[in-house]
Amino acid sequence: MKFTALVAVIQDTDEEEAIKVAKEAGAGSVTILHGKNIGLKEKKVFFGLTLEENVSALFFILPRKLSMQVMRALRERFDLDNHENSGYAFTIPLSHVAGLDTEELHTFEDNIKTMI
């Protein structure tokens, strides 16, 4: 089975909804990192405080066939194709993976069998 890393960076206020959408589309576990979105444009300042967007980076390890299904669900729900949206997602092909839960692997296999 070939695996892909799916990375979705979304506003932190949408984190729980994004996880729900991804799981409904077939994703299993997720690793979450929190950060700030710093773009090329200068951020707004309000009473001396810089207003920055807090974001969550969601990392999923998925079978290649399932990764596009999960990405499609996230793209549609969070309108990621809209350039005004502050979120984005991308995939990275993986050549070696270790440490995945065997129960999750069996779930992936079952999901892919139903897709075929």
N, C-alpha and C. Protein backbone atom coordinates (compact mmCIF):
# COMPACT_ATOMS: atom_id res chain seq x y z
N MET A 1 0.85 -1.17 0.00
CA MET A 1 0.00 0.00 0.00
C MET A 1 0.90 1.24 0.00
N LYS A 2 0.65 2.17 -0.91
CA LYS A 2 1.43 3.40 -1.00
C LYS A 2 0.75 4.48 -0.17
N PHE A 3 1.57 5.24 0.55
CA PHE A 3 1.04 6.26 1.46
C PHE A 3 1.40 7.66 1.01
N THR A 4 0.57 8.59 1.46
CA THR A 4 0.73 10.01 1.18
C THR A 4 0.52 10.77 2.48
N ALA A 5 1.29 11.83 2.66
CA ALA A 5 1.06 12.75 3.79
C ALA A 5 0.17 13.87 3.26
N LEU A 6 -0.95 14.06 3.92
CA LEU A 6 -1.85 15.16 3.59
C LEU A 6 -1.69 16.20 4.68
N VAL A 7 -1.35 17.42 4.28
CA VAL A 7 -1.18 18.53 5.22
C VAL A 7 -2.24 19.58 4.89
N ALA A 8 -3.03 19.92 5.89
CA ALA A 8 -4.05 20.97 5.73
C ALA A 8 -3.78 22.04 6.77
N VAL A 9 -3.62 23.27 6.32
CA VAL A 9 -3.40 24.40 7.22
C VAL A 9 -4.67 25.25 7.18
N ILE A 10 -5.32 25.34 8.32
CA ILE A 10 -6.60 26.04 8.40
C ILE A 10 -6.61 26.94 9.64
N GLN A 11 -7.58 27.84 9.70
CA GLN A 11 -7.69 28.70 10.87
C GLN A 11 -7.96 27.84 12.10
N ASP A 12 -7.36 28.21 13.22
CA ASP A 12 -7.50 27.36 14.41
C ASP A 12 -8.95 27.25 14.88
N THR A 13 -9.78 28.22 14.54
CA THR A 13 -11.19 28.14 14.93
C THR A 13 -11.92 27.05 14.15
N ASP A 14 -11.36 26.61 13.03
CA ASP A 14 -11.97 25.56 12.21
C ASP A 14 -11.37 24.18 12.45
N GLU A 15 -10.47 24.08 13.43
CA GLU A 15 -9.74 22.83 13.66
C GLU A 15 -10.66 21.63 13.90
N GLU A 16 -11.58 21.75 14.83
CA GLU A 16 -12.45 20.62 15.16
C GLU A 16 -13.32 20.23 13.97
N GLU A 17 -13.83 21.21 13.26
CA GLU A 17 -14.67 20.92 12.09
C GLU A 17 -13.85 20.23 11.00
N ALA A 18 -12.61 20.67 10.80
CA ALA A 18 -11.75 20.06 9.79
C ALA A 18 -11.45 18.60 10.12
N ILE A 19 -11.20 18.32 11.38
CA ILE A 19 -10.95 16.93 11.80
C ILE A 19 -12.20 16.09 11.57
N LYS A 20 -13.35 16.64 11.89
CA LYS A 20 -14.62 15.92 11.69
C LYS A 20 -14.83 15.62 10.21
N VAL A 21 -14.62 16.61 9.34
CA VAL A 21 -14.79 16.44 7.90
C VAL A 21 -13.83 15.39 7.38
N ALA A 22 -12.56 15.45 7.81
CA ALA A 22 -11.56 14.49 7.35
C ALA A 22 -11.90 13.07 7.79
N LYS A 23 -12.33 12.91 9.02
CA LYS A 23 -12.69 11.57 9.51
C LYS A 23 -13.91 11.02 8.78
N GLU A 24 -14.88 11.88 8.50
CA GLU A 24 -16.05 11.43 7.74
C GLU A 24 -15.65 10.99 6.32
N ALA A 25 -14.58 11.57 5.79
CA ALA A 25 -14.10 11.22 4.45
C ALA A 25 -13.17 10.00 4.47
N GLY A 26 -12.87 9.48 5.68
CA GLY A 26 -12.08 8.25 5.76
C GLY A 26 -10.74 8.36 6.45
N ALA A 27 -10.35 9.55 6.88
CA ALA A 27 -9.06 9.71 7.56
C ALA A 27 -9.09 9.06 8.94
N GLY A 28 -7.93 8.68 9.40
CA GLY A 28 -7.82 8.10 10.73
C GLY A 28 -7.25 9.14 11.70
N SER A 29 -6.12 8.83 12.25
CA SER A 29 -5.52 9.72 13.24
C SER A 29 -4.89 10.94 12.56
N VAL A 30 -4.66 11.97 13.37
CA VAL A 30 -4.11 13.23 12.87
C VAL A 30 -3.12 13.78 13.90
N THR A 31 -2.10 14.43 13.41
CA THR A 31 -1.16 15.16 14.26
C THR A 31 -1.40 16.64 14.01
N ILE A 32 -1.51 17.41 15.08
CA ILE A 32 -1.86 18.83 14.96
C ILE A 32 -0.73 19.70 15.50
N LEU A 33 -0.35 20.69 14.72
CA LEU A 33 0.62 21.70 15.16
C LEU A 33 -0.07 23.05 15.11
N HIS A 34 0.21 23.88 16.08
CA HIS A 34 -0.38 25.22 16.12
C HIS A 34 0.67 26.26 15.77
N GLY A 35 0.25 27.29 15.05
CA GLY A 35 1.19 28.32 14.64
C GLY A 35 0.47 29.60 14.27
N LYS A 36 1.20 30.49 13.62
CA LYS A 36 0.65 31.76 13.18
C LYS A 36 0.92 31.91 11.70
N ASN A 37 -0.04 32.51 11.01
CA ASN A 37 0.09 32.76 9.59
C ASN A 37 0.69 34.14 9.40
N ILE A 38 1.89 34.19 8.87
CA ILE A 38 2.57 35.45 8.62
C ILE A 38 2.77 35.56 7.12
N GLY A 39 2.06 36.50 6.49
CA GLY A 39 2.14 36.67 5.05
C GLY A 39 3.10 37.77 4.64
N LEU A 40 3.09 38.09 3.37
CA LEU A 40 3.97 39.14 2.86
C LEU A 40 3.46 40.53 3.21
N LYS A 41 2.15 40.66 3.37
CA LYS A 41 1.58 41.96 3.70
C LYS A 41 1.74 42.24 5.18
N GLU A 42 1.91 43.50 5.50
CA GLU A 42 2.05 43.89 6.89
C GLU A 42 0.72 43.66 7.63
N LYS A 43 0.80 43.15 8.84
CA LYS A 43 -0.39 42.85 9.63
C LYS A 43 -0.96 44.13 10.24
N LYS A 44 -2.26 44.08 10.54
CA LYS A 44 -2.93 45.21 11.17
C LYS A 44 -2.48 45.34 12.61
N VAL A 45 -2.38 46.57 13.05
CA VAL A 45 -2.01 46.86 14.43
C VAL A 45 -3.19 47.52 15.12
N PHE A 46 -3.53 47.03 16.30
CA PHE A 46 -4.65 47.55 17.07
C PHE A 46 -4.18 47.80 18.48
N PHE A 47 -4.12 49.06 18.90
CA PHE A 47 -3.61 49.45 20.21
C PHE A 47 -2.22 48.87 20.48
N GLY A 48 -1.38 48.91 19.47
CA GLY A 48 0.00 48.44 19.62
C GLY A 48 0.17 46.93 19.51
N LEU A 49 -0.91 46.18 19.36
CA LEU A 49 -0.83 44.73 19.24
C LEU A 49 -1.01 44.33 17.77
N THR A 50 -0.13 43.47 17.29
CA THR A 50 -0.24 42.99 15.92
C THR A 50 -1.28 41.88 15.87
N LEU A 51 -2.22 42.02 14.95
CA LEU A 51 -3.27 41.00 14.80
C LEU A 51 -2.78 39.95 13.80
N GLU A 52 -2.48 38.77 14.27
CA GLU A 52 -2.04 37.67 13.43
C GLU A 52 -3.07 36.57 13.47
N GLU A 53 -3.14 35.81 12.40
CA GLU A 53 -4.06 34.70 12.34
C GLU A 53 -3.42 33.47 12.97
N ASN A 54 -4.08 32.87 13.92
CA ASN A 54 -3.63 31.60 14.48
C ASN A 54 -4.14 30.49 13.58
N VAL A 55 -3.27 29.54 13.27
CA VAL A 55 -3.63 28.45 12.37
C VAL A 55 -3.30 27.11 13.01
N SER A 56 -3.93 26.08 12.48
CA SER A 56 -3.63 24.71 12.86
C SER A 56 -3.17 23.98 11.61
N ALA A 57 -2.06 23.26 11.73
CA ALA A 57 -1.58 22.42 10.64
C ALA A 57 -1.93 20.98 10.99
N LEU A 58 -2.76 20.37 10.17
CA LEU A 58 -3.22 19.00 10.40
C LEU A 58 -2.43 18.07 9.49
N PHE A 59 -1.77 17.07 10.07
CA PHE A 59 -0.97 16.11 9.32
C PHE A 59 -1.64 14.75 9.37
N PHE A 60 -1.99 14.23 8.19
CA PHE A 60 -2.59 12.91 8.07
C PHE A 60 -1.66 12.02 7.25
N ILE A 61 -1.51 10.76 7.65
CA ILE A 61 -0.83 9.75 6.83
C ILE A 61 -1.93 8.85 6.30
N LEU A 62 -2.09 8.83 4.97
CA LEU A 62 -3.20 8.13 4.35
C LEU A 62 -2.74 7.31 3.16
N PRO A 63 -3.48 6.24 2.84
CA PRO A 63 -3.23 5.58 1.55
C PRO A 63 -3.47 6.57 0.43
N ARG A 64 -2.69 6.46 -0.63
CA ARG A 64 -2.75 7.44 -1.72
C ARG A 64 -4.17 7.62 -2.25
N LYS A 65 -4.90 6.54 -2.46
CA LYS A 65 -6.26 6.64 -3.01
C LYS A 65 -7.19 7.40 -2.07
N LEU A 66 -7.01 7.23 -0.79
CA LEU A 66 -7.87 7.87 0.19
C LEU A 66 -7.52 9.34 0.40
N SER A 67 -6.25 9.70 0.17
CA SER A 67 -5.82 11.08 0.43
C SER A 67 -6.56 12.09 -0.44
N MET A 68 -6.83 11.75 -1.68
CA MET A 68 -7.54 12.68 -2.56
C MET A 68 -8.99 12.84 -2.13
N GLN A 69 -9.58 11.78 -1.62
CA GLN A 69 -10.97 11.86 -1.12
C GLN A 69 -11.05 12.79 0.09
N VAL A 70 -10.09 12.68 0.99
CA VAL A 70 -10.07 13.53 2.19
C VAL A 70 -9.77 14.97 1.79
N MET A 71 -8.81 15.17 0.88
CA MET A 71 -8.49 16.52 0.44
C MET A 71 -9.68 17.18 -0.23
N ARG A 72 -10.40 16.43 -1.05
CA ARG A 72 -11.58 16.97 -1.74
C ARG A 72 -12.62 17.43 -0.72
N ALA A 73 -12.84 16.64 0.32
CA ALA A 73 -13.82 17.01 1.35
C ALA A 73 -13.40 18.29 2.07
N LEU A 74 -12.10 18.42 2.39
CA LEU A 74 -11.61 19.63 3.05
C LEU A 74 -11.69 20.85 2.11
N ARG A 75 -11.35 20.64 0.84
CA ARG A 75 -11.41 21.74 -0.14
C ARG A 75 -12.82 22.28 -0.26
N GLU A 76 -13.79 21.37 -0.32
CA GLU A 76 -15.17 21.80 -0.48
C GLU A 76 -15.70 22.48 0.77
N ARG A 77 -15.45 21.89 1.93
CA ARG A 77 -16.00 22.43 3.18
C ARG A 77 -15.41 23.79 3.53
N PHE A 78 -14.10 23.98 3.30
CA PHE A 78 -13.43 25.22 3.70
C PHE A 78 -13.09 26.12 2.52
N ASP A 79 -13.62 25.82 1.35
CA ASP A 79 -13.44 26.66 0.16
C ASP A 79 -11.96 26.99 -0.06
N LEU A 80 -11.13 25.96 -0.05
CA LEU A 80 -9.68 26.17 -0.14
C LEU A 80 -9.22 26.66 -1.50
N ASP A 81 -10.07 26.55 -2.52
CA ASP A 81 -9.69 27.04 -3.85
C ASP A 81 -9.90 28.54 -3.99
N ASN A 82 -10.53 29.15 -3.02
CA ASN A 82 -10.77 30.59 -3.02
C ASN A 82 -9.50 31.28 -2.49
N HIS A 83 -8.90 32.13 -3.29
CA HIS A 83 -7.63 32.76 -2.89
C HIS A 83 -7.78 33.67 -1.67
N GLU A 84 -9.00 34.10 -1.38
CA GLU A 84 -9.22 34.97 -0.22
C GLU A 84 -9.27 34.18 1.08
N ASN A 85 -9.43 32.87 0.96
CA ASN A 85 -9.45 32.00 2.13
C ASN A 85 -8.03 31.85 2.65
N SER A 86 -7.85 31.79 3.94
CA SER A 86 -6.49 31.72 4.49
C SER A 86 -6.00 30.29 4.67
N GLY A 87 -6.76 29.31 4.22
CA GLY A 87 -6.35 27.93 4.37
C GLY A 87 -5.80 27.34 3.08
N TYR A 88 -5.09 26.23 3.21
CA TYR A 88 -4.59 25.51 2.04
C TYR A 88 -4.28 24.08 2.44
N ALA A 89 -4.13 23.23 1.45
CA ALA A 89 -3.81 21.82 1.69
C ALA A 89 -2.92 21.32 0.58
N PHE A 90 -2.07 20.34 0.90
CA PHE A 90 -1.21 19.73 -0.11
C PHE A 90 -0.86 18.32 0.33
N THR A 91 -0.39 17.53 -0.62
CA THR A 91 0.03 16.16 -0.32
C THR A 91 1.50 15.98 -0.67
N ILE A 92 2.10 15.04 0.02
CA ILE A 92 3.50 14.68 -0.21
C ILE A 92 3.57 13.15 -0.29
N PRO A 93 4.10 12.59 -1.38
CA PRO A 93 4.22 11.14 -1.45
C PRO A 93 5.27 10.65 -0.45
N LEU A 94 4.98 9.54 0.18
CA LEU A 94 5.90 8.97 1.17
C LEU A 94 6.47 7.66 0.64
N SER A 95 7.77 7.48 0.80
CA SER A 95 8.38 6.23 0.35
C SER A 95 8.57 5.24 1.50
N HIS A 96 8.69 5.73 2.72
CA HIS A 96 8.86 4.85 3.88
C HIS A 96 8.02 5.37 5.03
N VAL A 97 7.29 4.47 5.67
CA VAL A 97 6.45 4.84 6.80
C VAL A 97 6.62 3.79 7.88
N ALA A 98 6.79 4.24 9.12
CA ALA A 98 6.88 3.32 10.25
C ALA A 98 6.02 3.86 11.38
N GLY A 99 5.52 2.97 12.20
CA GLY A 99 4.81 3.38 13.40
C GLY A 99 3.32 3.55 13.27
N LEU A 100 2.74 3.17 12.12
CA LEU A 100 1.30 3.30 11.97
C LEU A 100 0.60 2.21 12.78
N ASP A 101 -0.54 2.55 13.32
CA ASP A 101 -1.35 1.62 14.10
C ASP A 101 -1.89 0.53 13.18
N THR A 102 -1.71 -0.73 13.53
CA THR A 102 -2.16 -1.82 12.67
C THR A 102 -3.67 -1.84 12.53
N GLU A 103 -4.39 -1.45 13.56
CA GLU A 103 -5.85 -1.38 13.47
C GLU A 103 -6.26 -0.34 12.43
N GLU A 104 -5.54 0.78 12.42
CA GLU A 104 -5.83 1.83 11.44
C GLU A 104 -5.52 1.34 10.03
N LEU A 105 -4.44 0.56 9.87
CA LEU A 105 -4.11 0.02 8.55
C LEU A 105 -5.21 -0.90 8.04
N HIS A 106 -5.78 -1.73 8.92
CA HIS A 106 -6.88 -2.61 8.51
C HIS A 106 -8.11 -1.79 8.12
N THR A 107 -8.36 -0.71 8.84
CA THR A 107 -9.48 0.17 8.49
C THR A 107 -9.26 0.78 7.11
N PHE A 108 -8.03 1.24 6.84
CA PHE A 108 -7.70 1.79 5.53
C PHE A 108 -7.96 0.75 4.43
N GLU A 109 -7.50 -0.48 4.66
CA GLU A 109 -7.69 -1.54 3.67
C GLU A 109 -9.17 -1.77 3.39
N ASP A 110 -9.97 -1.80 4.45
CA ASP A 110 -11.42 -2.00 4.28
C ASP A 110 -12.05 -0.84 3.52
N ASN A 111 -11.64 0.40 3.84
CA ASN A 111 -12.18 1.57 3.15
C ASN A 111 -11.83 1.55 1.67
N ILE A 112 -10.61 1.16 1.36
CA ILE A 112 -10.18 1.13 -0.05
C ILE A 112 -10.91 0.02 -0.80
N LYS A 113 -11.17 -1.11 -0.15
CA LYS A 113 -11.91 -2.19 -0.81
C LYS A 113 -13.33 -1.74 -1.17
N THR A 114 -13.95 -0.93 -0.30
CA THR A 114 -15.29 -0.46 -0.59
C THR A 114 -15.28 0.61 -1.69
N MET A 115 -14.16 1.29 -1.87
CA MET A 115 -14.06 2.32 -2.90
C MET A 115 -13.92 1.69 -4.30
N ILE A 116 -13.37 0.47 -4.35
CA ILE A 116 -13.09 -0.18 -5.64
C ILE A 116 -14.33 -0.81 -6.21
